[in-house]
N, C-alpha and C. Protein backbone atom coordinates (compact mmCIF):
# COMPACT_ATOMS: atom_id res chain seq x y z
N MET A 1 -51.01 -30.13 25.14
CA MET A 1 -49.78 -29.94 24.44
C MET A 1 -49.56 -31.15 23.53
N VAL A 2 -49.20 -30.84 22.24
CA VAL A 2 -48.81 -31.87 21.26
C VAL A 2 -47.54 -32.49 21.72
N ARG A 3 -47.59 -33.84 21.77
CA ARG A 3 -46.33 -34.59 22.24
C ARG A 3 -45.65 -35.34 21.10
N THR A 4 -46.38 -35.68 20.03
CA THR A 4 -45.73 -36.38 19.02
C THR A 4 -46.19 -35.82 17.63
N GLY A 5 -45.54 -36.21 16.58
CA GLY A 5 -45.94 -35.69 15.24
C GLY A 5 -45.37 -34.33 15.06
N ILE A 6 -46.11 -33.60 14.15
CA ILE A 6 -45.68 -32.21 13.80
C ILE A 6 -46.02 -31.29 14.96
N LEU A 7 -45.01 -30.61 15.53
CA LEU A 7 -45.19 -29.71 16.62
C LEU A 7 -45.47 -28.25 16.25
N ASN A 8 -45.12 -27.89 14.99
CA ASN A 8 -45.35 -26.53 14.51
C ASN A 8 -46.80 -26.22 14.37
N PRO A 9 -47.34 -25.29 15.13
CA PRO A 9 -48.82 -24.97 15.03
C PRO A 9 -49.23 -24.43 13.67
N GLN A 10 -48.40 -23.64 13.01
CA GLN A 10 -48.75 -23.14 11.70
C GLN A 10 -48.87 -24.27 10.67
N ILE A 11 -48.00 -25.26 10.71
CA ILE A 11 -48.05 -26.32 9.79
C ILE A 11 -49.26 -27.18 10.09
N ASN A 12 -49.53 -27.45 11.35
CA ASN A 12 -50.76 -28.22 11.70
C ASN A 12 -52.00 -27.54 11.22
N SER A 13 -52.09 -26.24 11.38
CA SER A 13 -53.21 -25.48 10.94
C SER A 13 -53.34 -25.56 9.41
N LEU A 14 -52.22 -25.39 8.76
CA LEU A 14 -52.27 -25.45 7.28
C LEU A 14 -52.67 -26.86 6.79
N LEU A 15 -52.13 -27.87 7.31
CA LEU A 15 -52.45 -29.20 6.94
C LEU A 15 -53.94 -29.53 7.15
N SER A 16 -54.49 -28.98 8.23
CA SER A 16 -55.92 -29.31 8.56
C SER A 16 -56.85 -28.63 7.58
N ARG A 17 -56.37 -27.62 6.83
CA ARG A 17 -57.24 -26.89 5.85
C ARG A 17 -57.05 -27.46 4.44
N VAL A 18 -56.14 -28.33 4.20
CA VAL A 18 -56.01 -28.89 2.90
C VAL A 18 -57.00 -30.07 2.71
N ARG A 19 -57.85 -29.94 1.73
CA ARG A 19 -58.85 -30.96 1.48
C ARG A 19 -58.57 -31.77 0.21
N HIS A 20 -59.46 -32.66 -0.17
CA HIS A 20 -59.33 -33.60 -1.29
C HIS A 20 -58.91 -32.83 -2.54
N THR A 21 -57.79 -33.20 -3.12
CA THR A 21 -57.26 -32.60 -4.37
C THR A 21 -56.66 -31.19 -4.20
N ASN A 22 -56.71 -30.64 -3.01
CA ASN A 22 -56.03 -29.39 -2.79
C ASN A 22 -54.51 -29.64 -2.81
N THR A 23 -53.75 -28.53 -3.01
CA THR A 23 -52.32 -28.69 -3.03
C THR A 23 -51.58 -27.89 -2.00
N LEU A 24 -50.42 -28.33 -1.74
CA LEU A 24 -49.53 -27.74 -0.75
C LEU A 24 -48.12 -27.73 -1.46
N LEU A 25 -47.32 -26.63 -1.15
CA LEU A 25 -46.04 -26.47 -1.77
C LEU A 25 -44.95 -26.54 -0.69
N ILE A 26 -43.95 -27.35 -0.97
CA ILE A 26 -42.73 -27.36 -0.14
C ILE A 26 -41.58 -26.86 -1.00
N THR A 27 -40.88 -25.87 -0.50
CA THR A 27 -39.90 -25.18 -1.39
C THR A 27 -38.48 -25.19 -0.69
N ASP A 28 -37.53 -24.92 -1.54
CA ASP A 28 -36.13 -24.66 -1.13
C ASP A 28 -36.02 -23.17 -0.72
N ARG A 29 -34.87 -22.90 -0.20
CA ARG A 29 -34.65 -21.53 0.38
C ARG A 29 -34.79 -20.36 -0.67
N GLY A 30 -34.49 -20.71 -1.89
CA GLY A 30 -34.47 -19.60 -2.92
C GLY A 30 -35.80 -19.39 -3.62
N PHE A 31 -36.82 -20.14 -3.26
CA PHE A 31 -38.10 -19.98 -4.05
C PHE A 31 -38.64 -18.58 -3.85
N PRO A 32 -39.10 -17.96 -4.88
CA PRO A 32 -39.57 -16.61 -4.76
C PRO A 32 -40.76 -16.47 -3.69
N TYR A 33 -40.78 -15.29 -3.18
CA TYR A 33 -41.87 -14.94 -2.20
C TYR A 33 -43.16 -14.62 -2.96
N TRP A 34 -44.23 -15.22 -2.45
CA TRP A 34 -45.55 -14.98 -3.03
C TRP A 34 -46.42 -14.37 -1.92
N PRO A 35 -46.63 -13.02 -1.97
CA PRO A 35 -47.30 -12.33 -0.86
C PRO A 35 -48.74 -12.80 -0.66
N THR A 36 -49.36 -13.37 -1.70
CA THR A 36 -50.78 -13.82 -1.63
C THR A 36 -50.94 -15.22 -1.10
N ILE A 37 -49.87 -15.93 -0.87
CA ILE A 37 -49.94 -17.29 -0.40
C ILE A 37 -49.42 -17.47 1.05
N GLU A 38 -50.24 -18.08 1.86
CA GLU A 38 -49.80 -18.31 3.24
C GLU A 38 -48.47 -19.07 3.26
N THR A 39 -47.50 -18.53 3.91
CA THR A 39 -46.22 -19.18 3.97
C THR A 39 -45.81 -19.44 5.39
N VAL A 40 -45.29 -20.68 5.62
CA VAL A 40 -44.72 -21.11 6.87
C VAL A 40 -43.22 -21.21 6.54
N ASP A 41 -42.41 -20.29 7.09
CA ASP A 41 -40.99 -20.24 6.76
C ASP A 41 -40.20 -20.98 7.88
N LEU A 42 -39.69 -22.20 7.54
CA LEU A 42 -38.95 -22.98 8.47
C LEU A 42 -37.45 -22.84 8.31
N SER A 43 -37.01 -22.05 7.29
CA SER A 43 -35.67 -21.93 6.97
C SER A 43 -34.82 -21.50 8.22
N LEU A 44 -33.69 -22.12 8.51
CA LEU A 44 -32.87 -21.75 9.58
C LEU A 44 -31.50 -21.33 9.12
N VAL A 45 -30.78 -22.36 8.49
CA VAL A 45 -29.56 -22.11 7.83
C VAL A 45 -29.52 -23.05 6.60
N ASP A 46 -28.49 -22.96 5.80
CA ASP A 46 -28.42 -23.83 4.64
C ASP A 46 -28.70 -25.31 4.94
N ASP A 47 -29.66 -25.81 4.31
CA ASP A 47 -30.06 -27.27 4.39
C ASP A 47 -30.69 -27.65 5.69
N ILE A 48 -31.16 -26.74 6.52
CA ILE A 48 -31.83 -27.06 7.75
C ILE A 48 -33.09 -26.20 7.83
N PRO A 49 -34.25 -26.87 7.80
CA PRO A 49 -34.51 -28.27 7.35
C PRO A 49 -34.44 -28.35 5.82
N ARG A 50 -34.51 -29.58 5.39
CA ARG A 50 -34.50 -29.84 3.99
C ARG A 50 -35.95 -30.16 3.55
N VAL A 51 -36.22 -30.08 2.24
CA VAL A 51 -37.52 -30.43 1.71
C VAL A 51 -37.89 -31.87 2.14
N LEU A 52 -36.94 -32.80 2.06
CA LEU A 52 -37.28 -34.17 2.43
C LEU A 52 -37.55 -34.36 3.91
N ASP A 53 -37.03 -33.47 4.76
CA ASP A 53 -37.39 -33.53 6.19
C ASP A 53 -38.82 -33.16 6.37
N VAL A 54 -39.26 -32.18 5.71
CA VAL A 54 -40.65 -31.75 5.74
C VAL A 54 -41.53 -32.76 5.12
N LEU A 55 -41.20 -33.36 4.00
CA LEU A 55 -42.00 -34.35 3.36
C LEU A 55 -42.18 -35.54 4.22
N ARG A 56 -41.08 -36.06 4.82
CA ARG A 56 -41.16 -37.22 5.72
C ARG A 56 -42.01 -36.93 6.91
N ALA A 57 -41.97 -35.73 7.47
CA ALA A 57 -42.84 -35.49 8.65
C ALA A 57 -44.29 -35.38 8.25
N ILE A 58 -44.58 -34.75 7.16
CA ILE A 58 -45.92 -34.67 6.65
C ILE A 58 -46.58 -35.98 6.33
N ARG A 59 -45.81 -36.89 5.70
CA ARG A 59 -46.32 -38.18 5.29
C ARG A 59 -46.97 -38.99 6.42
N LEU A 60 -46.48 -38.67 7.63
CA LEU A 60 -46.99 -39.50 8.76
C LEU A 60 -48.48 -39.33 9.06
N ASN A 61 -49.10 -38.20 8.69
CA ASN A 61 -50.49 -38.09 8.88
C ASN A 61 -51.21 -37.24 7.86
N PHE A 62 -50.68 -37.22 6.61
CA PHE A 62 -51.22 -36.50 5.55
C PHE A 62 -51.15 -37.38 4.31
N THR A 63 -52.36 -37.52 3.66
CA THR A 63 -52.40 -38.46 2.54
C THR A 63 -52.05 -37.71 1.24
N ILE A 64 -51.00 -38.11 0.63
CA ILE A 64 -50.47 -37.50 -0.63
C ILE A 64 -50.87 -38.41 -1.80
N GLY A 65 -51.62 -37.89 -2.73
CA GLY A 65 -51.98 -38.71 -3.91
C GLY A 65 -51.00 -38.52 -5.06
N ARG A 66 -50.40 -37.36 -5.12
CA ARG A 66 -49.52 -37.08 -6.19
C ARG A 66 -48.53 -35.99 -5.82
N ILE A 67 -47.27 -36.05 -6.31
CA ILE A 67 -46.29 -35.02 -6.18
C ILE A 67 -45.89 -34.50 -7.54
N VAL A 68 -45.80 -33.24 -7.63
CA VAL A 68 -45.35 -32.62 -8.90
C VAL A 68 -43.99 -31.85 -8.67
N MET A 69 -43.08 -32.16 -9.52
CA MET A 69 -41.74 -31.52 -9.42
C MET A 69 -41.35 -30.99 -10.82
N ALA A 70 -40.34 -30.16 -10.86
CA ALA A 70 -39.81 -29.65 -12.07
C ALA A 70 -38.95 -30.79 -12.73
N GLU A 71 -39.09 -30.96 -14.03
CA GLU A 71 -38.30 -31.99 -14.73
C GLU A 71 -36.83 -31.68 -14.67
N GLU A 72 -36.41 -30.48 -14.41
CA GLU A 72 -35.06 -30.11 -14.35
C GLU A 72 -34.42 -30.67 -13.12
N PHE A 73 -35.15 -31.16 -12.16
CA PHE A 73 -34.63 -31.73 -10.96
C PHE A 73 -33.59 -32.87 -11.16
N CYS A 74 -33.97 -33.78 -12.01
CA CYS A 74 -33.09 -34.92 -12.25
C CYS A 74 -31.78 -34.65 -12.92
N PRO A 75 -31.79 -33.90 -14.05
CA PRO A 75 -30.52 -33.60 -14.70
C PRO A 75 -29.57 -32.66 -13.91
N HIS A 76 -30.13 -31.88 -12.99
CA HIS A 76 -29.33 -30.91 -12.26
C HIS A 76 -28.84 -31.39 -10.95
N ASN A 77 -29.18 -32.59 -10.53
CA ASN A 77 -28.68 -33.24 -9.28
C ASN A 77 -28.06 -34.51 -9.48
N SER A 78 -27.28 -34.94 -8.47
CA SER A 78 -26.50 -36.19 -8.58
C SER A 78 -27.46 -37.34 -8.50
N PRO A 79 -27.01 -38.54 -8.97
CA PRO A 79 -27.82 -39.72 -8.84
C PRO A 79 -28.19 -40.05 -7.48
N SER A 80 -27.29 -39.73 -6.54
CA SER A 80 -27.56 -40.07 -5.15
C SER A 80 -28.71 -39.18 -4.58
N VAL A 81 -28.71 -37.93 -4.94
CA VAL A 81 -29.89 -37.00 -4.50
C VAL A 81 -31.13 -37.44 -5.16
N VAL A 82 -31.06 -37.80 -6.42
CA VAL A 82 -32.33 -38.25 -7.11
C VAL A 82 -32.84 -39.51 -6.50
N SER A 83 -31.95 -40.45 -6.13
CA SER A 83 -32.33 -41.65 -5.48
C SER A 83 -32.94 -41.42 -4.10
N GLU A 84 -32.38 -40.49 -3.32
CA GLU A 84 -32.86 -40.21 -2.00
C GLU A 84 -34.34 -39.66 -2.10
N PHE A 85 -34.54 -38.80 -3.11
CA PHE A 85 -35.87 -38.25 -3.25
C PHE A 85 -36.89 -39.34 -3.71
N ALA A 86 -36.43 -40.19 -4.63
CA ALA A 86 -37.26 -41.26 -5.06
C ALA A 86 -37.73 -42.20 -3.92
N GLU A 87 -36.79 -42.45 -3.05
CA GLU A 87 -37.04 -43.33 -1.87
C GLU A 87 -38.08 -42.61 -0.98
N ALA A 88 -37.83 -41.34 -0.71
CA ALA A 88 -38.77 -40.60 0.19
C ALA A 88 -40.19 -40.43 -0.41
N MET A 89 -40.29 -40.56 -1.74
CA MET A 89 -41.54 -40.33 -2.38
C MET A 89 -42.18 -41.69 -2.76
N SER A 90 -41.52 -42.78 -2.34
CA SER A 90 -41.96 -44.13 -2.68
C SER A 90 -43.42 -44.39 -2.43
N GLY A 91 -44.15 -45.00 -3.38
CA GLY A 91 -45.59 -45.25 -3.16
C GLY A 91 -46.49 -44.12 -3.55
N ILE A 92 -45.92 -42.92 -4.01
CA ILE A 92 -46.69 -41.83 -4.42
C ILE A 92 -46.42 -41.58 -5.93
N GLU A 93 -47.51 -41.29 -6.65
CA GLU A 93 -47.32 -40.90 -8.03
C GLU A 93 -46.54 -39.66 -8.13
N VAL A 94 -45.52 -39.62 -8.97
CA VAL A 94 -44.71 -38.43 -9.17
C VAL A 94 -44.74 -37.98 -10.63
N GLN A 95 -45.00 -36.69 -10.81
CA GLN A 95 -45.16 -36.23 -12.16
C GLN A 95 -44.11 -35.05 -12.29
N PHE A 96 -43.34 -35.15 -13.40
CA PHE A 96 -42.34 -34.09 -13.68
C PHE A 96 -42.81 -33.24 -14.84
N GLU A 97 -42.63 -31.94 -14.74
CA GLU A 97 -43.02 -31.07 -15.77
C GLU A 97 -42.02 -29.88 -15.84
N PRO A 98 -41.94 -29.17 -16.95
CA PRO A 98 -40.95 -28.06 -17.07
C PRO A 98 -41.23 -27.03 -15.87
N HIS A 99 -40.08 -26.50 -15.42
CA HIS A 99 -40.17 -25.53 -14.29
C HIS A 99 -41.10 -24.43 -14.51
N VAL A 100 -41.19 -23.97 -15.75
CA VAL A 100 -42.11 -22.88 -16.09
C VAL A 100 -43.51 -23.26 -15.93
N GLU A 101 -43.85 -24.49 -16.23
CA GLU A 101 -45.27 -25.01 -15.99
C GLU A 101 -45.42 -25.21 -14.52
N PHE A 102 -44.43 -25.72 -13.83
CA PHE A 102 -44.51 -26.00 -12.41
C PHE A 102 -44.94 -24.70 -11.66
N LYS A 103 -44.27 -23.65 -12.04
CA LYS A 103 -44.58 -22.35 -11.29
C LYS A 103 -46.03 -21.89 -11.60
N LYS A 104 -46.64 -22.26 -12.61
CA LYS A 104 -48.05 -21.98 -12.89
C LYS A 104 -48.97 -22.55 -11.88
N ARG A 105 -48.52 -23.60 -11.14
CA ARG A 105 -49.33 -24.24 -10.13
C ARG A 105 -49.37 -23.47 -8.76
N VAL A 106 -48.34 -22.62 -8.59
CA VAL A 106 -48.11 -21.94 -7.33
C VAL A 106 -49.34 -21.12 -6.92
N PRO A 107 -49.96 -20.29 -7.72
CA PRO A 107 -51.10 -19.50 -7.22
C PRO A 107 -52.24 -20.36 -6.75
N LEU A 108 -52.30 -21.61 -7.09
CA LEU A 108 -53.46 -22.48 -6.69
C LEU A 108 -53.26 -23.25 -5.39
N VAL A 109 -52.07 -23.12 -4.77
CA VAL A 109 -51.80 -23.93 -3.57
C VAL A 109 -52.48 -23.27 -2.36
N ILE A 110 -52.77 -24.10 -1.41
CA ILE A 110 -53.40 -23.68 -0.14
C ILE A 110 -52.34 -22.93 0.70
N GLY A 111 -51.09 -23.39 0.64
CA GLY A 111 -50.03 -22.84 1.42
C GLY A 111 -48.66 -23.33 0.96
N LEU A 112 -47.64 -22.63 1.48
CA LEU A 112 -46.29 -22.89 1.07
C LEU A 112 -45.40 -23.08 2.38
N ILE A 113 -44.61 -24.14 2.35
CA ILE A 113 -43.67 -24.33 3.47
C ILE A 113 -42.31 -24.17 2.88
N ARG A 114 -41.59 -23.12 3.36
CA ARG A 114 -40.22 -22.80 2.90
C ARG A 114 -39.23 -23.48 3.81
N THR A 115 -38.26 -24.15 3.20
CA THR A 115 -37.14 -24.81 3.93
C THR A 115 -35.82 -24.11 3.68
N GLY A 116 -34.76 -24.60 4.29
CA GLY A 116 -33.43 -24.10 4.02
C GLY A 116 -32.69 -24.89 3.00
N ASP A 117 -33.38 -25.75 2.28
CA ASP A 117 -32.83 -26.66 1.27
C ASP A 117 -32.07 -25.83 0.21
N THR A 118 -30.88 -26.40 -0.17
CA THR A 118 -30.12 -25.81 -1.27
C THR A 118 -30.02 -26.68 -2.53
N ILE A 119 -30.77 -27.78 -2.52
CA ILE A 119 -30.82 -28.68 -3.67
C ILE A 119 -31.56 -28.02 -4.80
N GLN A 120 -31.05 -28.03 -5.99
CA GLN A 120 -31.61 -27.39 -7.10
C GLN A 120 -32.94 -28.05 -7.52
N TYR A 121 -34.00 -27.27 -7.72
CA TYR A 121 -35.27 -27.74 -8.13
C TYR A 121 -35.86 -28.79 -7.23
N ALA A 122 -35.63 -28.66 -5.92
CA ALA A 122 -36.18 -29.59 -4.94
C ALA A 122 -37.61 -29.32 -4.58
N ASN A 123 -38.19 -28.21 -5.12
CA ASN A 123 -39.54 -27.82 -4.83
C ASN A 123 -40.53 -28.89 -5.24
N MET A 124 -41.57 -29.01 -4.44
CA MET A 124 -42.60 -30.04 -4.82
C MET A 124 -43.99 -29.61 -4.38
N VAL A 125 -44.96 -29.80 -5.36
CA VAL A 125 -46.35 -29.58 -5.01
C VAL A 125 -46.93 -30.95 -4.58
N LEU A 126 -47.54 -30.97 -3.40
CA LEU A 126 -48.21 -32.18 -2.91
C LEU A 126 -49.69 -32.05 -3.11
N GLU A 127 -50.26 -33.01 -3.81
CA GLU A 127 -51.72 -33.00 -4.01
C GLU A 127 -52.31 -34.03 -3.03
N SER A 128 -53.25 -33.56 -2.22
CA SER A 128 -53.89 -34.44 -1.29
C SER A 128 -54.86 -35.43 -2.02
N SER A 129 -54.94 -36.59 -1.52
CA SER A 129 -55.93 -37.54 -2.14
C SER A 129 -57.16 -37.72 -1.31
């Protein structure tokens, strides 16, 4: 029995299959469903869990080389939200691009983890290093 770290068996399985430069997507509750992409749906109620909850848990034993987010994230959210995300992503290269371009990355991900997050444009693609 797993006693520490990520307890969810689907997430553990997904993470173990992500290799060098492969990508993984963490999304908010409103992200469109992609039937061809393995999805682990953790959404419970609004904001439980949040994208940052999943990111913080994954960072404990998953090496992230780069995070890609929609450039719309910063102007659509408060400075305190932007700051909280910056702190959680500290030490990782972050790239912002138009949301339209961001969505072009979706078909290439190994899997998707859906959260209950309600923060606009909180979705992020994690590239393993």
